[in-house]
Amino acid sequence: MESIAAFDAKTRLSELLDRAAKGETFEITKHGRPVGKLGPPDAVRDPRVVAEAVARLKSYRGALKSLQTADVLALKHEGHRY
């Protein structure tokens, strides 16, 4: 892991972000002491997984259209103690 002073990190942020996107990790230091890390995200979202989740959510569309207002209010208060 490469160590970079905070001032240098500020001036070269764009370059460091490009390198971090490729998998590199950097330790940011201030006055010689480590204060943070810059690196790639822990988990990159897979577009296929996101698309599948959206499709599943869209499949619920209209599932509750048959409920009347009174039914929704009854569900809202279900389990409440008066």
PDB file of N, CA and C in Angstrom:
ATOM      1  N   MET A   1       0.853  -1.171   0.000  1.00  0.00           N
ATOM      2  CA  MET A   1       0.000   0.000   0.000  1.00  0.00           C
ATOM      3  C   MET A   1       0.899   1.234   0.000  1.00  0.00           C
ATOM      4  N   GLU A   2       0.621   2.088  -0.939  1.00  0.00           N
ATOM      5  CA  GLU A   2       1.413   3.304  -1.083  1.00  0.00           C
ATOM      6  C   GLU A   2       0.921   4.362  -0.098  1.00  0.00           C
ATOM      7  N   SER A   3       1.858   5.070   0.506  1.00  0.00           N
ATOM      8  CA  SER A   3       1.529   6.129   1.455  1.00  0.00           C
ATOM      9  C   SER A   3       1.681   7.482   0.757  1.00  0.00           C
ATOM     10  N   ILE A   4       0.652   8.340   0.886  1.00  0.00           N
ATOM     11  CA  ILE A   4       0.649   9.633   0.210  1.00  0.00           C
ATOM     12  C   ILE A   4       0.262  10.718   1.202  1.00  0.00           C
ATOM     13  N   ALA A   5       0.988  11.834   1.184  1.00  0.00           N
ATOM     14  CA  ALA A   5       0.670  12.970   2.051  1.00  0.00           C
ATOM     15  C   ALA A   5      -0.661  13.589   1.608  1.00  0.00           C
ATOM     16  N   ALA A   6      -1.386  14.146   2.557  1.00  0.00           N
ATOM     17  CA  ALA A   6      -2.711  14.712   2.280  1.00  0.00           C
ATOM     18  C   ALA A   6      -2.661  15.775   1.189  1.00  0.00           C
ATOM     19  N   PHE A   7      -1.661  16.641   1.213  1.00  0.00           N
ATOM     20  CA  PHE A   7      -1.547  17.690   0.201  1.00  0.00           C
ATOM     21  C   PHE A   7      -1.366  17.093  -1.190  1.00  0.00           C
ATOM     22  N   ASP A   8      -0.494  16.081  -1.287  1.00  0.00           N
ATOM     23  CA  ASP A   8      -0.276  15.420  -2.575  1.00  0.00           C
ATOM     24  C   ASP A   8      -1.540  14.697  -3.038  1.00  0.00           C
ATOM     25  N   ALA A   9      -2.249  14.085  -2.102  1.00  0.00           N
ATOM     26  CA  ALA A   9      -3.484  13.399  -2.451  1.00  0.00           C
ATOM     27  C   ALA A   9      -4.513  14.387  -2.988  1.00  0.00           C
ATOM     28  N   LYS A  10      -4.557  15.577  -2.398  1.00  0.00           N
ATOM     29  CA  LYS A  10      -5.494  16.600  -2.845  1.00  0.00           C
ATOM     30  C   LYS A  10      -5.159  17.055  -4.260  1.00  0.00           C
ATOM     31  N   THR A  11      -3.893  17.258  -4.535  1.00  0.00           N
ATOM     32  CA  THR A  11      -3.501  17.771  -5.845  1.00  0.00           C
ATOM     33  C   THR A  11      -3.560  16.704  -6.930  1.00  0.00           C
ATOM     34  N   ARG A  12      -3.462  15.429  -6.560  1.00  0.00           N
ATOM     35  CA  ARG A  12      -3.472  14.333  -7.536  1.00  0.00           C
ATOM     36  C   ARG A  12      -4.703  13.451  -7.399  1.00  0.00           C
ATOM     37  N   LEU A  13      -5.803  13.995  -6.865  1.00  0.00           N
ATOM     38  CA  LEU A  13      -6.982  13.179  -6.553  1.00  0.00           C
ATOM     39  C   LEU A  13      -7.528  12.440  -7.767  1.00  0.00           C
ATOM     40  N   SER A  14      -7.634  13.104  -8.889  1.00  0.00           N
ATOM     41  CA  SER A  14      -8.182  12.467 -10.085  1.00  0.00           C
ATOM     42  C   SER A  14      -7.363  11.247 -10.488  1.00  0.00           C
ATOM     43  N   GLU A  15      -6.056  11.396 -10.482  1.00  0.00           N
ATOM     44  CA  GLU A  15      -5.166  10.282 -10.822  1.00  0.00           C
ATOM     45  C   GLU A  15      -5.312   9.142  -9.812  1.00  0.00           C
ATOM     46  N   LEU A  16      -5.366   9.494  -8.531  1.00  0.00           N
ATOM     47  CA  LEU A  16      -5.486   8.465  -7.488  1.00  0.00           C
ATOM     48  C   LEU A  16      -6.825   7.731  -7.585  1.00  0.00           C
ATOM     49  N   LEU A  17      -7.886   8.449  -7.920  1.00  0.00           N
ATOM     50  CA  LEU A  17      -9.188   7.798  -8.076  1.00  0.00           C
ATOM     51  C   LEU A  17      -9.172   6.818  -9.244  1.00  0.00           C
ATOM     52  N   ASP A  18      -8.531   7.181 -10.337  1.00  0.00           N
ATOM     53  CA  ASP A  18      -8.410   6.270 -11.481  1.00  0.00           C
ATOM     54  C   ASP A  18      -7.640   5.016 -11.084  1.00  0.00           C
ATOM     55  N   ARG A  19      -6.561   5.195 -10.340  1.00  0.00           N
ATOM     56  CA  ARG A  19      -5.767   4.043  -9.908  1.00  0.00           C
ATOM     57  C   ARG A  19      -6.529   3.192  -8.897  1.00  0.00           C
ATOM     58  N   ALA A  20      -7.304   3.844  -8.012  1.00  0.00           N
ATOM     59  CA  ALA A  20      -8.100   3.101  -7.040  1.00  0.00           C
ATOM     60  C   ALA A  20      -9.181   2.289  -7.745  1.00  0.00           C
ATOM     61  N   ALA A  21      -9.746   2.833  -8.812  1.00  0.00           N
ATOM     62  CA  ALA A  21     -10.763   2.099  -9.577  1.00  0.00           C
ATOM     63  C   ALA A  21     -10.184   0.829 -10.189  1.00  0.00           C
ATOM     64  N   LYS A  22      -8.867   0.820 -10.413  1.00  0.00           N
ATOM     65  CA  LYS A  22      -8.194  -0.359 -10.968  1.00  0.00           C
ATOM     66  C   LYS A  22      -7.747  -1.330  -9.883  1.00  0.00           C
ATOM     67  N   GLY A  23      -8.009  -0.984  -8.607  1.00  0.00           N
ATOM     68  CA  GLY A  23      -7.711  -1.928  -7.527  1.00  0.00           C
ATOM     69  C   GLY A  23      -6.628  -1.529  -6.560  1.00  0.00           C
ATOM     70  N   GLU A  24      -5.956  -0.415  -6.781  1.00  0.00           N
ATOM     71  CA  GLU A  24      -4.896   0.007  -5.863  1.00  0.00           C
ATOM     72  C   GLU A  24      -5.483   0.641  -4.601  1.00  0.00           C
ATOM     73  N   THR A  25      -4.744   0.550  -3.508  1.00  0.00           N
ATOM     74  CA  THR A  25      -5.147   1.154  -2.246  1.00  0.00           C
ATOM     75  C   THR A  25      -4.036   2.092  -1.770  1.00  0.00           C
ATOM     76  N   PHE A  26      -4.429   3.225  -1.225  1.00  0.00           N
ATOM     77  CA  PHE A  26      -3.474   4.228  -0.765  1.00  0.00           C
ATOM     78  C   PHE A  26      -3.771   4.605   0.677  1.00  0.00           C
ATOM     79  N   GLU A  27      -2.705   4.872   1.418  1.00  0.00           N
ATOM     80  CA  GLU A  27      -2.840   5.377   2.784  1.00  0.00           C
ATOM     81  C   GLU A  27      -2.574   6.878   2.741  1.00  0.00           C
ATOM     82  N   ILE A  28      -3.509   7.680   3.244  1.00  0.00           N
ATOM     83  CA  ILE A  28      -3.361   9.127   3.271  1.00  0.00           C
ATOM     84  C   ILE A  28      -2.770   9.508   4.626  1.00  0.00           C
ATOM     85  N   THR A  29      -1.708  10.312   4.605  1.00  0.00           N
ATOM     86  CA  THR A  29      -1.058  10.714   5.853  1.00  0.00           C
ATOM     87  C   THR A  29      -1.101  12.226   6.002  1.00  0.00           C
ATOM     88  N   LYS A  30      -1.088  12.656   7.254  1.00  0.00           N
ATOM     89  CA  LYS A  30      -1.013  14.077   7.576  1.00  0.00           C
ATOM     90  C   LYS A  30       0.073  14.211   8.632  1.00  0.00           C
ATOM     91  N   HIS A  31       1.084  14.983   8.310  1.00  0.00           N
ATOM     92  CA  HIS A  31       2.244  15.152   9.198  1.00  0.00           C
ATOM     93  C   HIS A  31       2.854  13.801   9.565  1.00  0.00           C
ATOM     94  N   GLY A  32       2.877  12.887   8.585  1.00  0.00           N
ATOM     95  CA  GLY A  32       3.507  11.585   8.775  1.00  0.00           C
ATOM     96  C   GLY A  32       2.646  10.540   9.464  1.00  0.00           C
ATOM     97  N   ARG A  33       1.450  10.898   9.933  1.00  0.00           N
ATOM     98  CA  ARG A  33       0.574   9.931  10.603  1.00  0.00           C
ATOM     99  C   ARG A  33      -0.578   9.551   9.676  1.00  0.00           C
ATOM    100  N   PRO A  34      -0.918   8.277   9.625  1.00  0.00           N
ATOM    101  CA  PRO A  34      -2.025   7.853   8.764  1.00  0.00           C
ATOM    102  C   PRO A  34      -3.360   8.424   9.263  1.00  0.00           C
ATOM    103  N   VAL A  35      -4.138   8.974   8.330  1.00  0.00           N
ATOM    104  CA  VAL A  35      -5.445   9.534   8.694  1.00  0.00           C
ATOM    105  C   VAL A  35      -6.580   8.941   7.866  1.00  0.00           C
ATOM    106  N   GLY A  36      -6.270   8.198   6.828  1.00  0.00           N
ATOM    107  CA  GLY A  36      -7.334   7.614   6.014  1.00  0.00           C
ATOM    108  C   GLY A  36      -6.787   6.710   4.937  1.00  0.00           C
ATOM    109  N   LYS A  37      -7.724   6.059   4.234  1.00  0.00           N
ATOM    110  CA  LYS A  37      -7.365   5.170   3.141  1.00  0.00           C
ATOM    111  C   LYS A  37      -8.221   5.513   1.934  1.00  0.00           C
ATOM    112  N   LEU A  38      -7.667   5.306   0.780  1.00  0.00           N
ATOM    113  CA  LEU A  38      -8.367   5.477  -0.475  1.00  0.00           C
ATOM    114  C   LEU A  38      -8.187   4.183  -1.244  1.00  0.00           C
ATOM    115  N   GLY A  39      -9.297   3.586  -1.654  1.00  0.00           N
ATOM    116  CA  GLY A  39      -9.195   2.328  -2.369  1.00  0.00           C
ATOM    117  C   GLY A  39     -10.469   2.017  -3.118  1.00  0.00           C
ATOM    118  N   PRO A  40     -10.484   0.871  -3.780  1.00  0.00           N
ATOM    119  CA  PRO A  40     -11.669   0.476  -4.535  1.00  0.00           C
ATOM    120  C   PRO A  40     -12.826   0.146  -3.586  1.00  0.00           C
ATOM    121  N   PRO A  41     -14.051   0.220  -4.062  1.00  0.00           N
ATOM    122  CA  PRO A  41     -15.185  -0.129  -3.203  1.00  0.00           C
ATOM    123  C   PRO A  41     -15.132  -1.607  -2.821  1.00  0.00           C
ATOM    124  N   ASP A  42     -15.722  -1.929  -1.670  1.00  0.00           N
ATOM    125  CA  ASP A  42     -15.710  -3.315  -1.196  1.00  0.00           C
ATOM    126  C   ASP A  42     -16.464  -4.242  -2.141  1.00  0.00           C
ATOM    127  N   ALA A  43     -17.620  -3.789  -2.575  1.00  0.00           N
ATOM    128  CA  ALA A  43     -18.435  -4.631  -3.455  1.00  0.00           C
ATOM    129  C   ALA A  43     -18.961  -3.771  -4.599  1.00  0.00           C
ATOM    130  N   VAL A  44     -18.654  -4.199  -5.791  1.00  0.00           N
ATOM    131  CA  VAL A  44     -19.159  -3.497  -6.960  1.00  0.00           C
ATOM    132  C   VAL A  44     -20.464  -4.172  -7.357  1.00  0.00           C
ATOM    133  N   ARG A  45     -21.484  -3.367  -7.583  1.00  0.00           N
ATOM    134  CA  ARG A  45     -22.794  -3.926  -7.898  1.00  0.00           C
ATOM    135  C   ARG A  45     -22.808  -4.501  -9.307  1.00  0.00           C
ATOM    136  N   ASP A  46     -23.300  -5.718  -9.402  1.00  0.00           N
ATOM    137  CA  ASP A  46     -23.432  -6.392 -10.685  1.00  0.00           C
ATOM    138  C   ASP A  46     -24.715  -5.899 -11.353  1.00  0.00           C
ATOM    139  N   PRO A  47     -24.644  -5.335 -12.549  1.00  0.00           N
ATOM    140  CA  PRO A  47     -25.842  -4.801 -13.207  1.00  0.00           C
ATOM    141  C   PRO A  47     -26.941  -5.843 -13.409  1.00  0.00           C
ATOM    142  N   ARG A  48     -26.560  -7.109 -13.611  1.00  0.00           N
ATOM    143  CA  ARG A  48     -27.577  -8.159 -13.780  1.00  0.00           C
ATOM    144  C   ARG A  48     -28.364  -8.372 -12.500  1.00  0.00           C
ATOM    145  N   VAL A  49     -27.683  -8.354 -11.366  1.00  0.00           N
ATOM    146  CA  VAL A  49     -28.356  -8.543 -10.083  1.00  0.00           C
ATOM    147  C   VAL A  49     -29.318  -7.387  -9.818  1.00  0.00           C
ATOM    148  N   VAL A  50     -28.877  -6.164 -10.130  1.00  0.00           N
ATOM    149  CA  VAL A  50     -29.736  -4.992  -9.946  1.00  0.00           C
ATOM    150  C   VAL A  50     -30.964  -5.103 -10.841  1.00  0.00           C
ATOM    151  N   ALA A  51     -30.781  -5.497 -12.101  1.00  0.00           N
ATOM    152  CA  ALA A  51     -31.905  -5.628 -13.031  1.00  0.00           C
ATOM    153  C   ALA A  51     -32.893  -6.691 -12.563  1.00  0.00           C
ATOM    154  N   GLU A  52     -32.397  -7.788 -12.020  1.00  0.00           N
ATOM    155  CA  GLU A  52     -33.282  -8.837 -11.498  1.00  0.00           C
ATOM    156  C   GLU A  52     -34.085  -8.340 -10.294  1.00  0.00           C
ATOM    157  N   ALA A  53     -33.452  -7.572  -9.423  1.00  0.00           N
ATOM    158  CA  ALA A  53     -34.151  -7.030  -8.257  1.00  0.00           C
ATOM    159  C   ALA A  53     -35.238  -6.058  -8.692  1.00  0.00           C
ATOM    160  N   VAL A  54     -34.957  -5.230  -9.674  1.00  0.00           N
ATOM    161  CA  VAL A  54     -35.958  -4.286 -10.181  1.00  0.00           C
ATOM    162  C   VAL A  54     -37.122  -5.045 -10.798  1.00  0.00           C
ATOM    163  N   ALA A  55     -36.829  -6.092 -11.533  1.00  0.00           N
ATOM    164  CA  ALA A  55     -37.890  -6.898 -12.146  1.00  0.00           C
ATOM    165  C   ALA A  55     -38.775  -7.547 -11.084  1.00  0.00           C
ATOM    166  N   ARG A  56     -38.160  -8.041 -10.012  1.00  0.00           N
ATOM    167  CA  ARG A  56     -38.959  -8.646  -8.932  1.00  0.00           C
ATOM    168  C   ARG A  56     -39.847  -7.610  -8.269  1.00  0.00           C
ATOM    169  N   LEU A  57     -39.315  -6.409  -8.047  1.00  0.00           N
ATOM    170  CA  LEU A  57     -40.124  -5.351  -7.439  1.00  0.00           C
ATOM    171  C   LEU A  57     -41.271  -4.941  -8.358  1.00  0.00           C
ATOM    172  N   LYS A  58     -41.016  -4.855  -9.652  1.00  0.00           N
ATOM    173  CA  LYS A  58     -42.062  -4.491 -10.601  1.00  0.00           C
ATOM    174  C   LYS A  58     -43.155  -5.549 -10.675  1.00  0.00           C
ATOM    175  N   SER A  59     -42.823  -6.802 -10.381  1.00  0.00           N
ATOM    176  CA  SER A  59     -43.831  -7.866 -10.427  1.00  0.00           C
ATOM    177  C   SER A  59     -44.889  -7.688  -9.332  1.00  0.00           C
ATOM    178  N   TYR A  60     -44.580  -6.932  -8.275  1.00  0.00           N
ATOM    179  CA  TYR A  60     -45.547  -6.676  -7.212  1.00  0.00           C
ATOM    180  C   TYR A  60     -46.510  -5.544  -7.559  1.00  0.00           C
ATOM    181  N   ARG A  61     -46.225  -4.823  -8.645  1.00  0.00           N
ATOM    182  CA  ARG A  61     -47.047  -3.698  -9.052  1.00  0.00           C
ATOM    183  C   ARG A  61     -48.489  -4.152  -9.260  1.00  0.00           C
ATOM    184  N   GLY A  62     -49.402  -3.498  -8.611  1.00  0.00           N
ATOM    185  CA  GLY A  62     -50.820  -3.804  -8.780  1.00  0.00           C
ATOM    186  C   GLY A  62     -51.310  -4.948  -7.916  1.00  0.00           C
ATOM    187  N   ALA A  63     -50.443  -5.539  -7.109  1.00  0.00           N
ATOM    188  CA  ALA A  63     -50.848  -6.681  -6.293  1.00  0.00           C
ATOM    189  C   ALA A  63     -51.854  -6.285  -5.222  1.00  0.00           C
ATOM    190  N   LEU A  64     -51.844  -5.047  -4.793  1.00  0.00           N
ATOM    191  CA  LEU A  64     -52.743  -4.615  -3.715  1.00  0.00           C
ATOM    192  C   LEU A  64     -53.858  -3.691  -4.211  1.00  0.00           C
ATOM    193  N   LYS A  65     -54.128  -3.664  -5.505  1.00  0.00           N
ATOM    194  CA  LYS A  65     -55.146  -2.773  -6.040  1.00  0.00           C
ATOM    195  C   LYS A  65     -56.545  -3.130  -5.558  1.00  0.00           C
ATOM    196  N   SER A  66     -56.757  -4.377  -5.163  1.00  0.00           N
ATOM    197  CA  SER A  66     -58.097  -4.797  -4.752  1.00  0.00           C
ATOM    198  C   SER A  66     -58.454  -4.320  -3.344  1.00  0.00           C
ATOM    199  N   LEU A  67     -57.496  -3.777  -2.603  1.00  0.00           N
ATOM    200  CA  LEU A  67     -57.782  -3.309  -1.244  1.00  0.00           C
ATOM    201  C   LEU A  67     -58.581  -2.011  -1.279  1.00  0.00           C
ATOM    202  N   GLN A  68     -59.553  -1.929  -0.414  1.00  0.00           N
ATOM    203  CA  GLN A  68     -60.349  -0.720  -0.254  1.00  0.00           C
ATOM    204  C   GLN A  68     -59.698   0.148   0.814  1.00  0.00           C
ATOM    205  N   THR A  69     -60.102   1.411   0.893  1.00  0.00           N
ATOM    206  CA  THR A  69     -59.541   2.348   1.868  1.00  0.00           C
ATOM    207  C   THR A  69     -59.742   1.837   3.285  1.00  0.00           C
ATOM    208  N   ALA A  70     -60.930   1.302   3.561  1.00  0.00           N
ATOM    209  CA  ALA A  70     -61.221   0.778   4.902  1.00  0.00           C
ATOM    210  C   ALA A  70     -60.277  -0.371   5.255  1.00  0.00           C
ATOM    211  N   ASP A  71     -59.945  -1.213   4.261  1.00  0.00           N
ATOM    212  CA  ASP A  71     -59.032  -2.333   4.504  1.00  0.00           C
ATOM    213  C   ASP A  71     -57.626  -1.829   4.849  1.00  0.00           C
ATOM    214  N   VAL A  72     -57.178  -0.805   4.134  1.00  0.00           N
ATOM    215  CA  VAL A  72     -55.854  -0.240   4.392  1.00  0.00           C
ATOM    216  C   VAL A  72     -55.802   0.366   5.790  1.00  0.00           C
ATOM    217  N   LEU A  73     -56.853   1.097   6.182  1.00  0.00           N
ATOM    218  CA  LEU A  73     -56.889   1.690   7.521  1.00  0.00           C
ATOM    219  C   LEU A  73     -56.921   0.616   8.594  1.00  0.00           C
ATOM    220  N   ALA A  74     -57.638  -0.474   8.339  1.00  0.00           N
ATOM    221  CA  ALA A  74     -57.684  -1.574   9.304  1.00  0.00           C
ATOM    222  C   ALA A  74     -56.302  -2.202   9.468  1.00  0.00           C
ATOM    223  N   LEU A  75     -55.589  -2.372   8.357  1.00  0.00           N
ATOM    224  CA  LEU A  75     -54.234  -2.928   8.432  1.00  0.00           C
ATOM    225  C   LEU A  75     -53.290  -1.989   9.163  1.00  0.00           C
ATOM    226  N   LYS A  76     -53.492  -0.690   8.970  1.00  0.00           N
ATOM    227  CA  LYS A  76     -52.644   0.310   9.619  1.00  0.00           C
ATOM    228  C   LYS A  76     -52.741   0.213  11.134  1.00  0.00           C
ATOM    229  N   HIS A  77     -53.947  -0.054  11.615  1.00  0.00           N
ATOM    230  CA  HIS A  77     -54.175  -0.079  13.065  1.00  0.00           C
ATOM    231  C   HIS A  77     -54.117  -1.499  13.645  1.00  0.00           C
ATOM    232  N   GLU A  78     -53.854  -2.474  12.830  1.00  0.00           N
ATOM    233  CA  GLU A  78     -53.807  -3.847  13.323  1.00  0.00           C
ATOM    234  C   GLU A  78     -52.668  -3.995  14.335  1.00  0.00           C
ATOM    235  N   GLY A  79     -52.958  -4.557  15.450  1.00  0.00           N
ATOM    236  CA  GLY A  79     -51.950  -4.780  16.487  1.00  0.00           C
ATOM    237  C   GLY A  79     -51.771  -3.605  17.443  1.00  0.00           C
ATOM    238  N   HIS A  80     -52.437  -2.496  17.193  1.00  0.00           N
ATOM    239  CA  HIS A  80     -52.350  -1.358  18.118  1.00  0.00           C
ATOM    240  C   HIS A  80     -53.195  -1.608  19.344  1.00  0.00           C
ATOM    241  N   ARG A  81     -52.761  -1.122  20.449  1.00  0.00           N
ATOM    242  CA  ARG A  81     -53.560  -1.158  21.662  1.00  0.00           C
ATOM    243  C   ARG A  81     -54.194   0.222  21.829  1.00  0.00           C
ATOM    244  N   TYR A  82     -55.468   0.216  22.119  1.00  0.00           N
ATOM    245  CA  TYR A  82     -56.166   1.496  22.274  1.00  0.00           C
ATOM    246  C   TYR A  82     -56.380   1.819  23.715  1.00  0.00           C
TER     247      TYR A  82
END
